[in-house]
């Protein structure tokens, strides 16, 4: 019996990053389980390709691949994709960015590629075939629309559905290939023990937005740089007054807010301490929330002469008809 090929296309620059290793190991666990094989009556082979450099070259329009990958390797990847049962595509995504994917943690980093560059690259790697390509986007927030502060589980208007990164990729790919794309509205993970994809809830995503807002506020960044110039003794004295320390222990937001600041340094440190406390409070709340299997999973499918967009978690069809 021939094995079904599960292809993992990794777009993250650091192939040793924990997210890469966790997904790779998780997929192998999932598709090597005896129960999975017995249930579906097939054996599966997971093959990982690290293609960050290939995309970087492809988006520049460079025709000569020899500097980054041999033609033989390239042909092997395209052949593997052509015969794939399912293809996983992994990259970093940003909650409030529906245009770009990132090849590394995105704080202060340039994006790796825009959606049309990614879809062009995937079209190149996926040769024409009669069967529909089944693609799983392991990209955090890829199914989230431009209304990213709103819930993503109830019915979403077509004009909003079309703004997500996942839909843009799906539509562009669908112009040249027959595809079904599955994506998630929250940060994605992989439960290695259960062998399943997990997704953060909308509540967790909203808290994540607040957490990142704290980190990306110019005042906080300036204060963090200022604190880094203080001596250990200065940090100890100021930290002691505001019941906060630099190993994330200490007082909460309300306690710190009630402490009187005297002088410029104390005022600046208090603002920094309040931001730190707000950050810790958000993280503490997030830690009480559990990710869920299939939550926020949206399937974009080409059917007959039209498309169907469905919430896999609730089984609700968001849209059925022509391209949006």
Protein backbone atom coordinates (compact mmCIF):
# COMPACT_ATOMS: atom_id res chain seq x y z
CA UNK A 1 0.00 0.00 0.00
CA UNK A 2 1.44 3.37 -1.03
CA UNK A 3 1.67 6.07 1.61
CA UNK A 4 -0.09 9.38 1.36
CA UNK A 5 2.31 12.31 1.37
CA UNK A 6 1.76 15.17 3.83
CA UNK A 7 3.99 18.07 2.76
CA UNK A 8 5.10 20.72 5.25
CA UNK A 9 6.32 23.92 3.57
CA UNK A 10 8.12 25.97 6.23
CA UNK A 11 8.42 29.71 5.49
CA UNK A 12 10.11 30.60 8.79
CA UNK A 13 13.72 31.69 8.47
CA UNK A 14 14.99 29.77 11.50
CA UNK A 15 14.24 26.11 10.88
CA UNK A 16 15.25 25.43 14.50
CA UNK A 17 12.60 27.78 15.90
CA UNK A 18 10.36 26.04 18.42
CA UNK A 19 7.23 26.64 16.31
CA UNK A 20 8.85 24.86 13.35
CA UNK A 21 10.01 21.87 15.37
CA UNK A 22 6.71 21.58 17.24
CA UNK A 23 4.63 21.53 14.08
CA UNK A 24 6.99 19.12 12.35
CA UNK A 25 6.98 16.74 15.31
CA UNK A 26 3.23 17.15 15.79
CA UNK A 27 2.45 16.28 12.19
CA UNK A 28 4.61 13.18 12.38
CA UNK A 29 2.84 12.17 15.60
CA UNK A 30 -0.59 12.76 14.09
CA UNK A 31 -0.02 10.88 10.87
CA UNK A 32 1.99 8.03 12.33
CA UNK A 33 -0.60 7.08 14.94
CA UNK A 34 -1.85 3.53 14.55
CA UNK A 35 -5.41 4.64 15.26
CA UNK A 36 -5.29 7.25 12.52
CA UNK A 37 -3.97 4.73 10.00
CA UNK A 38 -6.56 2.10 10.98
CA UNK A 39 -9.42 4.58 10.81
CA UNK A 40 -8.56 5.92 7.38
CA UNK A 41 -7.01 2.75 6.01
CA UNK A 42 -3.87 4.49 4.75
CA UNK A 43 -0.29 5.08 5.79
CA UNK A 44 1.14 8.60 5.75
CA UNK A 45 4.55 10.12 5.17
CA UNK A 46 5.34 13.63 6.44
CA UNK A 47 8.00 15.48 4.44
CA UNK A 48 9.27 18.91 5.53
CA UNK A 49 10.79 21.47 3.18
CA UNK A 50 12.32 24.70 4.48
CA UNK A 51 11.55 27.17 1.70
CA UNK A 52 12.12 30.60 3.29
CA UNK A 53 15.04 31.35 0.99
CA UNK A 54 13.16 30.11 -2.05
CA UNK A 55 10.31 32.55 -1.43
CA UNK A 56 12.75 35.37 -0.77
CA UNK A 57 14.37 34.75 -4.16
CA UNK A 58 11.07 34.14 -5.95
CA UNK A 59 9.48 37.42 -4.84
CA UNK A 60 12.47 39.33 -6.21
CA UNK A 61 11.79 37.86 -9.62
CA UNK A 62 15.19 36.19 -9.79
CA UNK A 63 15.11 33.43 -12.39
CA UNK A 64 18.44 31.87 -11.49
CA UNK A 65 17.82 29.67 -8.44
CA UNK A 66 21.28 28.16 -8.37
CA UNK A 67 22.52 30.47 -5.60
CA UNK A 68 19.93 29.24 -3.12
CA UNK A 69 18.67 25.87 -4.32
CA UNK A 70 19.54 23.43 -7.05
CA UNK A 71 17.15 22.73 -9.90
CA UNK A 72 17.14 19.09 -8.84
CA UNK A 73 15.95 20.03 -5.34
CA UNK A 74 13.36 22.40 -6.74
CA UNK A 75 11.99 19.73 -9.05
CA UNK A 76 11.81 17.28 -6.14
CA UNK A 77 9.72 19.72 -4.08
CA UNK A 78 7.34 20.44 -6.97
CA UNK A 79 6.95 16.72 -7.66
CA UNK A 80 6.27 16.03 -3.98
CA UNK A 81 3.65 18.82 -3.87
CA UNK A 82 2.02 17.54 -7.05
CA UNK A 83 1.47 14.16 -5.41
CA UNK A 84 0.61 15.50 -1.95
CA UNK A 85 -2.51 14.41 -0.10
CA UNK A 86 -2.36 17.58 2.03
CA UNK A 87 0.01 20.55 2.22
CA UNK A 88 0.75 22.55 5.39
CA UNK A 89 2.17 26.07 4.99
CA UNK A 90 3.78 27.62 8.06
CA UNK A 91 4.67 31.29 8.69
CA UNK A 92 4.10 33.97 11.32
CA UNK A 93 1.08 36.25 11.08
CA UNK A 94 0.06 39.49 12.77
CA UNK A 95 -3.39 40.00 14.27
CA UNK A 96 -4.02 43.36 12.62
CA UNK A 97 -2.16 42.73 9.35
CA UNK A 98 -4.14 41.07 6.55
CA UNK A 99 -1.59 41.61 3.78
CA UNK A 100 1.74 40.13 4.89
CA UNK A 101 3.36 37.01 6.34
CA UNK A 102 6.48 37.11 8.47
CA UNK A 103 9.48 34.80 8.36
CA UNK A 104 10.45 35.57 11.95
CA UNK A 105 8.97 37.12 15.08
CA UNK A 106 7.58 40.36 13.71
CA UNK A 107 8.37 42.94 16.40
CA UNK A 108 10.54 45.47 14.59
CA UNK A 109 10.96 43.12 11.63
CA UNK A 110 10.14 43.59 7.99
CA UNK A 111 7.50 41.21 6.64
CA UNK A 112 8.68 38.31 4.51
CA UNK A 113 6.19 38.69 1.68
CA UNK A 114 2.83 40.11 0.68
CA UNK A 115 -0.15 37.80 0.05
CA UNK A 116 0.14 38.00 -3.75
CA UNK A 117 3.84 37.12 -3.57
CA UNK A 118 3.05 34.12 -1.35
CA UNK A 119 0.24 32.92 -3.64
CA UNK A 120 2.46 33.35 -6.71
CA UNK A 121 5.16 31.30 -4.99
CA UNK A 122 2.71 28.56 -3.99
CA UNK A 123 1.27 28.45 -7.51
CA UNK A 124 4.82 27.90 -8.75
CA UNK A 125 5.40 25.05 -6.29
CA UNK A 126 2.05 23.38 -7.01
CA UNK A 127 2.00 22.05 -10.58
CA UNK A 128 -1.30 21.62 -12.41
CA UNK A 129 -3.12 18.42 -11.50
CA UNK A 130 -6.63 17.00 -11.78
CA UNK A 131 -7.22 16.63 -8.04
CA UNK A 132 -7.99 19.52 -5.74
CA UNK A 133 -5.10 20.71 -3.56
CA UNK A 134 -5.89 20.64 0.17
CA UNK A 135 -3.88 23.37 1.88
CA UNK A 136 -3.66 24.06 5.62
CA UNK A 137 -2.38 27.53 6.51
CA UNK A 138 -0.50 27.33 9.80
CA UNK A 139 -0.29 31.13 9.93
CA UNK A 140 -1.58 32.86 13.05
CA UNK A 141 -4.61 35.12 12.41
CA UNK A 142 -4.63 34.41 8.65
CA UNK A 143 -8.43 33.98 8.61
CA UNK A 144 -8.98 37.15 10.65
CA UNK A 145 -10.60 40.01 8.74
CA UNK A 146 -9.84 43.73 8.78
CA UNK A 147 -12.38 43.98 11.62
CA UNK A 148 -9.81 42.21 13.76
CA UNK A 149 -11.12 43.63 17.07
CA UNK A 150 -14.50 41.99 16.48
CA UNK A 151 -15.47 38.35 17.03
CA UNK A 152 -14.78 36.08 14.08
CA UNK A 153 -17.08 33.14 14.87
CA UNK A 154 -20.53 34.44 13.94
CA UNK A 155 -21.61 35.06 10.35
CA UNK A 156 -19.32 37.59 8.69
CA UNK A 157 -20.38 39.83 5.81
CA UNK A 158 -18.85 38.85 2.41
CA UNK A 159 -17.13 42.22 2.03
CA UNK A 160 -15.30 41.52 5.30
CA UNK A 161 -14.59 37.86 4.54
CA UNK A 162 -12.69 38.96 1.45
CA UNK A 163 -10.29 41.14 3.49
CA UNK A 164 -8.54 38.28 5.32
CA UNK A 165 -5.08 37.12 4.32
CA UNK A 166 -6.43 33.59 3.88
CA UNK A 167 -9.17 34.63 1.46
CA UNK A 168 -6.75 36.69 -0.64
CA UNK A 169 -4.40 33.70 -0.90
CA UNK A 170 -7.33 31.38 -1.67
CA UNK A 171 -8.68 33.59 -4.45
CA UNK A 172 -5.30 34.15 -6.07
CA UNK A 173 -4.46 30.45 -5.95
CA UNK A 174 -7.95 29.62 -7.25
CA UNK A 175 -7.30 31.58 -10.42
CA UNK A 176 -4.77 28.95 -11.51
CA UNK A 177 -5.34 25.85 -9.37
CA UNK A 178 -8.29 24.02 -7.85
CA UNK A 179 -7.82 24.41 -4.08
CA UNK A 180 -9.39 24.07 -0.68
CA UNK A 181 -7.70 26.29 1.89
CA UNK A 182 -8.18 25.91 5.64
CA UNK A 183 -7.08 28.71 7.96
CA UNK A 184 -7.54 30.03 11.52
CA UNK A 185 -8.72 33.32 13.00
CA UNK A 186 -6.45 33.12 16.04
CA UNK A 187 -2.92 32.15 16.96
CA UNK A 188 -2.31 28.53 16.04
CA UNK A 189 -0.56 25.79 17.94
CA UNK A 190 -0.26 22.03 17.88
CA UNK A 191 -1.24 19.61 20.64
CA UNK A 192 1.45 17.00 20.14
CA UNK A 193 -0.17 14.46 22.47
CA UNK A 194 -3.57 14.62 20.77
CA UNK A 195 -2.10 15.22 17.33
CA UNK A 196 -4.39 18.14 16.55
CA UNK A 197 -4.20 21.84 15.71
CA UNK A 198 -5.30 24.24 18.44
CA UNK A 199 -6.48 27.82 18.06
CA UNK A 200 -6.82 30.66 20.57
CA UNK A 201 -10.30 31.99 21.25
CA UNK A 202 -11.53 35.47 20.29
CA UNK A 203 -11.25 36.49 23.95
CA UNK A 204 -7.61 35.45 23.98
CA UNK A 205 -7.03 37.28 20.68
CA UNK A 206 -8.51 40.50 22.06
CA UNK A 207 -6.24 40.26 25.09
CA UNK A 208 -3.31 39.64 22.74
CA UNK A 209 -4.15 42.85 20.91
CA UNK A 210 -4.13 44.74 24.21
CA UNK A 211 -0.84 43.11 25.22
CA UNK A 212 0.85 44.07 21.95
CA UNK A 213 -0.56 47.58 22.21
CA UNK A 214 1.29 47.94 25.51
CA UNK A 215 4.54 46.68 24.00
CA UNK A 216 4.32 48.84 20.89
CA UNK A 217 3.37 52.12 22.59
CA UNK A 218 6.14 54.69 21.90
CA UNK A 219 6.10 55.91 25.51
CA UNK A 220 6.65 52.37 26.79
CA UNK A 221 9.51 51.77 24.35
CA UNK A 222 11.19 55.03 25.40
CA UNK A 223 10.72 54.23 29.07
CA UNK A 224 12.11 50.72 28.60
CA UNK A 225 15.22 52.18 26.97
CA UNK A 226 15.54 54.69 29.83
CA UNK A 227 15.23 51.96 32.46
CA UNK A 228 18.02 50.03 30.76
CA UNK A 229 20.37 52.94 31.52
CA UNK A 230 19.69 52.81 35.29
CA UNK A 231 22.06 51.14 37.70
CA UNK A 232 21.01 48.02 39.57
CA UNK A 233 20.69 50.06 42.76
CA UNK A 234 18.47 52.66 41.08
CA UNK A 235 16.24 49.93 39.73
CA UNK A 236 16.06 48.29 43.15
CA UNK A 237 15.04 51.49 44.94
CA UNK A 238 12.49 52.56 42.36
CA UNK A 239 11.17 49.04 41.94
CA UNK A 240 10.78 48.61 45.67
CA UNK A 241 8.67 51.75 45.94
CA UNK A 242 6.33 50.67 43.17
CA UNK A 243 6.13 47.05 44.29
CA UNK A 244 7.51 45.76 41.02
CA UNK A 245 10.64 43.89 40.03
CA UNK A 246 12.21 42.90 36.75
CA UNK A 247 11.51 39.21 37.00
CA UNK A 248 7.77 39.80 36.51
CA UNK A 249 6.87 39.56 40.20
CA UNK A 250 5.37 42.37 42.20
CA UNK A 251 2.25 44.47 42.63
CA UNK A 252 -0.70 44.73 40.27
CA UNK A 253 -1.87 47.71 38.25
CA UNK A 254 -4.24 49.16 40.90
CA UNK A 255 -1.64 48.94 43.67
CA UNK A 256 1.00 50.71 41.59
CA UNK A 257 -1.46 53.38 40.43
CA UNK A 258 -2.19 54.29 44.05
CA UNK A 259 1.48 55.00 44.90
CA UNK A 260 2.49 58.68 44.81
CA UNK A 261 5.37 59.52 42.48
CA UNK A 262 7.80 62.26 43.57
CA UNK A 263 10.13 63.80 41.03
CA UNK A 264 10.75 63.14 37.34
CA UNK A 265 12.48 59.78 37.74
CA UNK A 266 9.76 58.37 39.97
CA UNK A 267 7.07 59.61 37.59
CA UNK A 268 8.79 57.97 34.62
CA UNK A 269 9.37 54.75 36.52
CA UNK A 270 5.75 54.71 37.65
CA UNK A 271 4.55 54.90 34.03
CA UNK A 272 6.91 52.07 33.17
CA UNK A 273 5.75 50.04 36.17
CA UNK A 274 2.09 50.55 35.23
CA UNK A 275 2.76 49.32 31.70
CA UNK A 276 4.59 46.29 33.06
CA UNK A 277 1.75 45.56 35.47
CA UNK A 278 -0.83 45.91 32.71
CA UNK A 279 1.19 43.50 30.60
CA UNK A 280 1.39 40.97 33.46
CA UNK A 281 -2.33 41.25 34.20
CA UNK A 282 -3.14 40.52 30.56
CA UNK A 283 -0.79 37.54 30.45
CA UNK A 284 -2.27 36.19 33.68
CA UNK A 285 -5.76 36.41 32.18
CA UNK A 286 -4.60 34.77 28.96
CA UNK A 287 -3.13 31.90 30.94
CA UNK A 288 -6.59 31.10 32.32
CA UNK A 289 -7.94 30.57 28.79
CA UNK A 290 -7.49 27.33 26.89
CA UNK A 291 -6.95 27.01 23.18
CA UNK A 292 -9.46 24.79 21.43
CA UNK A 293 -9.25 22.28 18.63
CA UNK A 294 -10.95 23.55 15.46
CA UNK A 295 -11.97 26.86 17.07
CA UNK A 296 -11.84 29.72 14.57
CA UNK A 297 -11.14 27.32 11.71
CA UNK A 298 -12.45 28.64 8.41
CA UNK A 299 -12.54 26.53 5.24
CA UNK A 300 -12.44 28.21 1.82
CA UNK A 301 -13.44 25.72 -0.86
CA UNK A 302 -13.95 25.73 -4.62
CA UNK A 303 -17.12 23.84 -5.48
CA UNK A 304 -18.54 23.41 -8.98
CA UNK A 305 -18.57 26.88 -10.51
CA UNK A 306 -18.43 28.79 -7.22
CA UNK A 307 -16.95 28.88 -3.74
CA UNK A 308 -18.08 28.04 -0.21
CA UNK A 309 -16.70 29.58 3.00
CA UNK A 310 -17.55 27.66 6.15
CA UNK A 311 -16.82 27.90 9.86
CA UNK A 312 -15.60 24.38 10.65
CA UNK A 313 -16.04 24.86 14.41
CA UNK A 314 -19.74 25.80 14.21
CA UNK A 315 -20.54 24.16 10.84
CA UNK A 316 -22.12 27.45 9.72
CA UNK A 317 -21.74 28.39 6.06
CA UNK A 318 -20.60 32.01 5.96
CA UNK A 319 -20.86 32.40 2.19
CA UNK A 320 -21.73 30.43 -0.92
CA UNK A 321 -21.62 31.83 -4.43
CA UNK A 322 -19.22 33.43 -6.88
CA UNK A 323 -15.86 34.98 -6.01
CA UNK A 324 -16.20 37.94 -3.69
